[in-house]
Every structure is written in C-alpha cells, then in structure tokens.
Amino acid sequence: MNRRRVIDIALTGVVLVAIVGLYRLTPTKADFQQPVQVNGTAGKVVQTPRFEITVEAVRVGKKLKVPRTRPDRETSTSWVVVDAIVTARQDPMHLGSVFIRNTDGVQYRATNRNAISRVDLTGFEFQPGIPVRGSFAIEMPADQLAGARLEVIENGVFTALEPQATIPLPAAEGEQPVVELKEATA
C-alpha cells in the first residue's frame, strides 16, 4: 500500500469521527424548545428577566384550608404549600406554569381546584415593582418532596427560551393535619 492511500484512509477516519462528534453535539428540536433555567436558592431572590421570586417556606398537610371558603380541601396524597414572594419586573403578568419536579423527573402542577386559584399566586395579576406575598398549593405524595425543586415560568404554553425560575425546595418541618393557604396580597 502506498503512502498516499494510508493518508486517505486516515483522513477518512478523522472525518467520520468528526461527523459523529458534531452530530452528538448538535442541539435537537427539544433543546430549542426548553425554557431557559434561572437557578436559585430558597430564601433568596431569584431574578429572571420577567419576574422575581423568593421561596420563603414549604409546608405539608393532609388538608388544605383556603381563606373565605369551607370545608377544608382533602386529598388522597398530601398538600404541599409553597410560601413565596413574586414581583413582576417589566409588565403586568400572570404565572402560567407552576410545578414541583421530584428527583425522578415527575411533575406535579399547582392545583386548579375550584376557588383556590382565586386566592393563591397562580390566579394573581402581578404589577411591575410591587411584591406580592402568597402561596402555591400542589397535591403530591409527601415522600416525593425530598430533593424536589419548584419550577415557575410566566408563559404556560409557548415556553421556548422563556425564563424559568428553578429553586430546590427546603425540607418541610413534617406533615401537619391542616395547612392554610396564604392569600395573595400586595
């Protein structure tokens, strides 16, 4: 075999390795459609371009007391209540998607049960520069909370490149018989 043929085979091998490497590094359609994570820590302000959020506490209970309604809401699992402060930064806005993702990647969305969205943070219209304190209520098994994180995004439908606040949740102080939802107030 002559030297030229050996060089051609070596160059072909290098090109094939480069093609496979570039293929593996090329973003997929799913990569382009994911929100942009803005990571934070509970107890500290997490700033996205559109809103700020601070997770103050996590409470867990078997029943949920909703202000100005009766009876208390029951669930077959547990109620996880996340107390937070949210501030719009530029324009009036609503939070379109709020959920807890456990360590296995399973998502538990904020509840949409009757009357809850009228008092919690998911139904509130945030005005720029005005902090609003309140709660999110999520139905999920309490044993799935360890290592979970809260994920909040403004737009619940078209999330491609939208900022998403991602905050690891602190441990709750144990399950209570009843937890009270804090009404969203400015």
C-alpha atoms as a PDB file:
ATOM      1  CA  MET A   1       0.000   0.000   0.000  1.00  0.00           C
ATOM      2  CA  ASN A   2       1.416   3.338  -0.906  1.00  0.00           C
ATOM      3  CA  ARG A   3       1.727   6.272   1.422  1.00  0.00           C
ATOM      4  CA  ARG A   4      -1.000   8.298  -0.312  1.00  0.00           C
ATOM      5  CA  ARG A   5      -3.588   5.544   0.267  1.00  0.00           C
ATOM      6  CA  VAL A   6      -2.720   5.345   4.004  1.00  0.00           C
ATOM      7  CA  ILE A   7      -3.161   9.125   4.329  1.00  0.00           C
ATOM      8  CA  ASP A   8      -6.553   8.970   2.528  1.00  0.00           C
ATOM      9  CA  ILE A   9      -7.798   6.202   4.864  1.00  0.00           C
ATOM     10  CA  ALA A  10      -6.579   8.108   7.947  1.00  0.00           C
ATOM     11  CA  LEU A  11      -8.246  11.348   6.787  1.00  0.00           C
ATOM     12  CA  THR A  12     -11.490   9.472   6.065  1.00  0.00           C
ATOM     13  CA  GLY A  13     -11.401   8.056   9.602  1.00  0.00           C
ATOM     14  CA  VAL A  14     -10.795  11.510  11.094  1.00  0.00           C
ATOM     15  CA  VAL A  15     -13.689  12.989   9.092  1.00  0.00           C
ATOM     16  CA  LEU A  16     -16.044  10.195  10.197  1.00  0.00           C
ATOM     17  CA  VAL A  17     -15.092  10.704  13.848  1.00  0.00           C
ATOM     18  CA  ALA A  18     -15.649  14.468  13.445  1.00  0.00           C
ATOM     19  CA  ILE A  19     -19.071  13.909  11.845  1.00  0.00           C
ATOM     20  CA  VAL A  20     -20.200  11.611  14.676  1.00  0.00           C
ATOM     21  CA  GLY A  21     -18.858  14.068  17.271  1.00  0.00           C
ATOM     22  CA  LEU A  22     -20.646  17.038  15.690  1.00  0.00           C
ATOM     23  CA  TYR A  23     -23.862  15.030  15.407  1.00  0.00           C
ATOM     24  CA  ARG A  24     -23.790  14.298  19.119  1.00  0.00           C
ATOM     25  CA  LEU A  25     -23.110  17.955  19.966  1.00  0.00           C
ATOM     26  CA  THR A  26     -25.806  19.372  17.671  1.00  0.00           C
ATOM     27  CA  PRO A  27     -28.831  20.624  19.648  1.00  0.00           C
ATOM     28  CA  THR A  28     -32.091  18.805  18.992  1.00  0.00           C
ATOM     29  CA  LYS A  29     -35.540  20.292  18.462  1.00  0.00           C
ATOM     30  CA  ALA A  30     -36.307  19.576  22.131  1.00  0.00           C
ATOM     31  CA  ASP A  31     -33.212  21.543  23.194  1.00  0.00           C
ATOM     32  CA  PHE A  32     -34.516  24.616  21.361  1.00  0.00           C
ATOM     33  CA  GLN A  33     -37.987  24.319  22.856  1.00  0.00           C
ATOM     34  CA  GLN A  34     -36.915  24.137  26.504  1.00  0.00           C
ATOM     35  CA  PRO A  35     -37.201  27.135  28.802  1.00  0.00           C
ATOM     36  CA  VAL A  36     -34.012  28.835  29.953  1.00  0.00           C
ATOM     37  CA  GLN A  37     -33.434  27.829  33.576  1.00  0.00           C
ATOM     38  CA  VAL A  38     -32.580  30.543  36.063  1.00  0.00           C
ATOM     39  CA  ASN A  39     -31.341  28.602  39.083  1.00  0.00           C
ATOM     40  CA  GLY A  40     -31.746  29.908  42.589  1.00  0.00           C
ATOM     41  CA  THR A  41     -31.875  29.032  46.245  1.00  0.00           C
ATOM     42  CA  ALA A  42     -34.789  29.015  48.682  1.00  0.00           C
ATOM     43  CA  GLY A  43     -34.776  32.090  50.905  1.00  0.00           C
ATOM     44  CA  LYS A  44     -33.030  34.242  48.289  1.00  0.00           C
ATOM     45  CA  VAL A  45     -34.418  36.329  45.436  1.00  0.00           C
ATOM     46  CA  VAL A  46     -34.279  34.549  42.075  1.00  0.00           C
ATOM     47  CA  GLN A  47     -34.311  37.101  39.247  1.00  0.00           C
ATOM     48  CA  THR A  48     -35.500  36.221  35.760  1.00  0.00           C
ATOM     49  CA  PRO A  49     -35.827  38.905  33.064  1.00  0.00           C
ATOM     50  CA  ARG A  50     -39.630  38.984  33.577  1.00  0.00           C
ATOM     51  CA  PHE A  51     -40.162  38.337  37.301  1.00  0.00           C
ATOM     52  CA  GLU A  52     -38.513  37.767  40.678  1.00  0.00           C
ATOM     53  CA  ILE A  53     -39.461  35.028  43.127  1.00  0.00           C
ATOM     54  CA  THR A  54     -38.376  34.201  46.670  1.00  0.00           C
ATOM     55  CA  VAL A  55     -39.389  30.880  48.246  1.00  0.00           C
ATOM     56  CA  GLU A  56     -39.940  31.521  51.958  1.00  0.00           C
ATOM     57  CA  ALA A  57     -41.177  28.167  53.290  1.00  0.00           C
ATOM     58  CA  VAL A  58     -42.635  24.773  52.432  1.00  0.00           C
ATOM     59  CA  ARG A  59     -45.478  23.282  54.463  1.00  0.00           C
ATOM     60  CA  VAL A  60     -47.122  19.877  54.101  1.00  0.00           C
ATOM     61  CA  GLY A  61     -50.537  18.743  55.339  1.00  0.00           C
ATOM     62  CA  LYS A  62     -53.353  16.279  54.811  1.00  0.00           C
ATOM     63  CA  LYS A  63     -55.991  19.015  54.492  1.00  0.00           C
ATOM     64  CA  LEU A  64     -55.852  22.480  52.934  1.00  0.00           C
ATOM     65  CA  LYS A  65     -57.632  25.442  54.496  1.00  0.00           C
ATOM     66  CA  VAL A  66     -58.483  28.043  51.845  1.00  0.00           C
ATOM     67  CA  PRO A  67     -59.304  31.574  53.075  1.00  0.00           C
ATOM     68  CA  ARG A  68     -63.002  32.517  52.974  1.00  0.00           C
ATOM     69  CA  THR A  69     -64.150  29.016  51.910  1.00  0.00           C
ATOM     70  CA  ARG A  70     -65.425  25.887  53.605  1.00  0.00           C
ATOM     71  CA  PRO A  71     -64.920  22.990  54.020  1.00  0.00           C
ATOM     72  CA  ASP A  72     -61.183  22.311  54.089  1.00  0.00           C
ATOM     73  CA  ARG A  73     -59.920  20.614  50.909  1.00  0.00           C
ATOM     74  CA  GLU A  74     -58.952  16.981  51.266  1.00  0.00           C
ATOM     75  CA  THR A  75     -56.660  14.886  49.098  1.00  0.00           C
ATOM     76  CA  SER A  76     -55.700  11.241  48.908  1.00  0.00           C
ATOM     77  CA  THR A  77     -51.995  12.214  48.983  1.00  0.00           C
ATOM     78  CA  SER A  78     -50.762  15.419  50.655  1.00  0.00           C
ATOM     79  CA  TRP A  79     -50.959  19.160  50.133  1.00  0.00           C
ATOM     80  CA  VAL A  80     -47.610  20.850  49.622  1.00  0.00           C
ATOM     81  CA  VAL A  81     -47.900  24.599  50.183  1.00  0.00           C
ATOM     82  CA  VAL A  82     -45.017  26.772  48.997  1.00  0.00           C
ATOM     83  CA  ASP A  83     -44.995  30.277  50.501  1.00  0.00           C
ATOM     84  CA  ALA A  84     -43.355  32.803  48.189  1.00  0.00           C
ATOM     85  CA  ILE A  85     -42.965  36.436  47.199  1.00  0.00           C
ATOM     86  CA  VAL A  86     -43.351  37.250  43.481  1.00  0.00           C
ATOM     87  CA  THR A  87     -42.664  40.568  41.736  1.00  0.00           C
ATOM     88  CA  ALA A  88     -43.209  41.391  38.056  1.00  0.00           C
ATOM     89  CA  ARG A  89     -40.237  43.288  36.641  1.00  0.00           C
ATOM     90  CA  GLN A  90     -41.446  44.974  33.412  1.00  0.00           C
ATOM     91  CA  ASP A  91     -45.087  44.424  32.529  1.00  0.00           C
ATOM     92  CA  PRO A  92     -48.222  43.137  34.224  1.00  0.00           C
ATOM     93  CA  MET A  93     -48.169  39.336  34.153  1.00  0.00           C
ATOM     94  CA  HIS A  94     -49.610  36.042  35.416  1.00  0.00           C
ATOM     95  CA  LEU A  95     -47.633  32.922  36.218  1.00  0.00           C
ATOM     96  CA  GLY A  96     -48.563  30.421  33.522  1.00  0.00           C
ATOM     97  CA  SER A  97     -46.919  27.290  34.856  1.00  0.00           C
ATOM     98  CA  VAL A  98     -46.014  26.387  38.434  1.00  0.00           C
ATOM     99  CA  PHE A  99     -44.994  22.879  39.391  1.00  0.00           C
ATOM    100  CA  ILE A 100     -42.770  20.767  41.584  1.00  0.00           C
ATOM    101  CA  ARG A 101     -40.444  18.291  39.856  1.00  0.00           C
ATOM    102  CA  ASN A 102     -39.252  15.405  42.015  1.00  0.00           C
ATOM    103  CA  THR A 103     -35.864  13.695  41.714  1.00  0.00           C
ATOM    104  CA  ASP A 104     -37.312  11.159  39.237  1.00  0.00           C
ATOM    105  CA  GLY A 105     -38.422  13.974  36.896  1.00  0.00           C
ATOM    106  CA  VAL A 106     -42.144  13.613  37.658  1.00  0.00           C
ATOM    107  CA  GLN A 107     -44.012  16.947  37.593  1.00  0.00           C
ATOM    108  CA  TYR A 108     -46.797  17.904  39.994  1.00  0.00           C
ATOM    109  CA  ARG A 109     -48.645  21.029  38.825  1.00  0.00           C
ATOM    110  CA  ALA A 110     -50.142  23.665  41.084  1.00  0.00           C
ATOM    111  CA  THR A 111     -53.739  22.728  41.756  1.00  0.00           C
ATOM    112  CA  ASN A 112     -56.596  24.173  39.726  1.00  0.00           C
ATOM    113  CA  ARG A 113     -59.318  23.122  42.143  1.00  0.00           C
ATOM    114  CA  ASN A 114     -62.338  25.390  42.485  1.00  0.00           C
ATOM    115  CA  ALA A 115     -61.778  28.618  44.462  1.00  0.00           C
ATOM    116  CA  ILE A 116     -58.062  28.019  45.103  1.00  0.00           C
ATOM    117  CA  SER A 117     -56.799  29.970  42.073  1.00  0.00           C
ATOM    118  CA  ARG A 118     -58.854  32.982  43.229  1.00  0.00           C
ATOM    119  CA  VAL A 119     -56.701  33.373  46.326  1.00  0.00           C
ATOM    120  CA  ASP A 120     -53.299  31.802  45.560  1.00  0.00           C
ATOM    121  CA  LEU A 121     -50.436  33.196  43.489  1.00  0.00           C
ATOM    122  CA  THR A 122     -51.409  31.316  40.301  1.00  0.00           C
ATOM    123  CA  GLY A 123     -54.511  33.448  39.779  1.00  0.00           C
ATOM    124  CA  PHE A 124     -52.949  36.805  40.656  1.00  0.00           C
ATOM    125  CA  GLU A 125     -52.070  39.529  38.127  1.00  0.00           C
ATOM    126  CA  PHE A 126     -48.679  40.905  39.138  1.00  0.00           C
ATOM    127  CA  GLN A 127     -47.885  44.572  38.539  1.00  0.00           C
ATOM    128  CA  PRO A 128     -44.302  45.727  37.908  1.00  0.00           C
ATOM    129  CA  GLY A 129     -42.297  46.542  41.007  1.00  0.00           C
ATOM    130  CA  ILE A 130     -44.995  45.505  43.519  1.00  0.00           C
ATOM    131  CA  PRO A 131     -44.042  42.426  45.577  1.00  0.00           C
ATOM    132  CA  VAL A 132     -46.897  40.011  46.250  1.00  0.00           C
ATOM    133  CA  ARG A 133     -46.742  37.504  49.105  1.00  0.00           C
ATOM    134  CA  GLY A 134     -48.814  34.316  48.961  1.00  0.00           C
ATOM    135  CA  SER A 135     -48.761  30.566  48.369  1.00  0.00           C
ATOM    136  CA  PHE A 136     -48.873  27.860  45.743  1.00  0.00           C
ATOM    137  CA  ALA A 137     -50.746  24.640  46.547  1.00  0.00           C
ATOM    138  CA  ILE A 138     -49.660  21.373  44.950  1.00  0.00           C
ATOM    139  CA  GLU A 139     -51.196  17.923  45.503  1.00  0.00           C
ATOM    140  CA  MET A 140     -48.483  15.274  45.642  1.00  0.00           C
ATOM    141  CA  PRO A 141     -47.177  12.442  47.801  1.00  0.00           C
ATOM    142  CA  ALA A 142     -45.195  13.934  50.692  1.00  0.00           C
ATOM    143  CA  ASP A 143     -42.456  11.315  50.294  1.00  0.00           C
ATOM    144  CA  GLN A 144     -41.699  12.701  46.805  1.00  0.00           C
ATOM    145  CA  LEU A 145     -40.715  16.105  48.205  1.00  0.00           C
ATOM    146  CA  ALA A 146     -37.146  15.229  49.262  1.00  0.00           C
ATOM    147  CA  GLY A 147     -34.758  16.698  46.704  1.00  0.00           C
ATOM    148  CA  ALA A 148     -37.597  18.234  44.649  1.00  0.00           C
ATOM    149  CA  ARG A 149     -37.493  21.670  43.078  1.00  0.00           C
ATOM    150  CA  LEU A 150     -40.061  24.342  42.322  1.00  0.00           C
ATOM    151  CA  GLU A 151     -40.185  25.420  38.663  1.00  0.00           C
ATOM    152  CA  VAL A 152     -42.041  28.614  37.734  1.00  0.00           C
ATOM    153  CA  ILE A 153     -42.498  30.082  34.268  1.00  0.00           C
ATOM    154  CA  GLU A 154     -44.588  33.014  33.116  1.00  0.00           C
ATOM    155  CA  ASN A 155     -45.855  31.592  29.835  1.00  0.00           C
ATOM    156  CA  GLY A 156     -47.528  28.228  30.271  1.00  0.00           C
ATOM    157  CA  VAL A 157     -47.968  27.445  26.562  1.00  0.00           C
ATOM    158  CA  PHE A 158     -45.046  28.666  24.440  1.00  0.00           C
ATOM    159  CA  THR A 159     -42.107  28.013  26.738  1.00  0.00           C
ATOM    160  CA  ALA A 160     -39.282  28.003  24.171  1.00  0.00           C
ATOM    161  CA  LEU A 161     -36.477  30.148  25.578  1.00  0.00           C
ATOM    162  CA  GLU A 162     -38.763  31.610  28.265  1.00  0.00           C
ATOM    163  CA  PRO A 163     -37.063  32.198  31.627  1.00  0.00           C
ATOM    164  CA  GLN A 164     -37.921  29.535  34.207  1.00  0.00           C
ATOM    165  CA  ALA A 165     -37.085  30.028  37.883  1.00  0.00           C
ATOM    166  CA  THR A 166     -35.806  26.721  39.271  1.00  0.00           C
ATOM    167  CA  ILE A 167     -35.459  26.532  43.052  1.00  0.00           C
ATOM    168  CA  PRO A 168     -34.550  23.466  45.138  1.00  0.00           C
ATOM    169  CA  LEU A 169     -37.116  23.218  47.916  1.00  0.00           C
ATOM    170  CA  PRO A 170     -36.088  23.148  51.565  1.00  0.00           C
ATOM    171  CA  ALA A 171     -37.308  20.273  53.722  1.00  0.00           C
ATOM    172  CA  ALA A 172     -40.718  20.741  55.307  1.00  0.00           C
ATOM    173  CA  GLU A 173     -40.985  20.500  59.109  1.00  0.00           C
ATOM    174  CA  GLY A 174     -43.204  17.417  58.992  1.00  0.00           C
ATOM    175  CA  GLU A 175     -46.749  16.815  57.876  1.00  0.00           C
ATOM    176  CA  GLN A 176     -49.440  18.803  59.676  1.00  0.00           C
ATOM    177  CA  PRO A 177     -53.120  17.824  59.917  1.00  0.00           C
ATOM    178  CA  VAL A 178     -54.174  21.089  58.178  1.00  0.00           C
ATOM    179  CA  VAL A 179     -52.131  23.686  56.282  1.00  0.00           C
ATOM    180  CA  GLU A 180     -53.536  27.108  55.477  1.00  0.00           C
ATOM    181  CA  LEU A 181     -53.143  28.673  52.058  1.00  0.00           C
ATOM    182  CA  LYS A 182     -51.861  32.236  52.348  1.00  0.00           C
ATOM    183  CA  GLU A 183     -53.935  34.595  50.263  1.00  0.00           C
ATOM    184  CA  ALA A 184     -52.004  36.573  47.634  1.00  0.00           C
ATOM    185  CA  THR A 185     -51.600  40.139  48.919  1.00  0.00           C
ATOM    186  CA  ALA A 186     -49.512  43.066  47.751  1.00  0.00           C
END
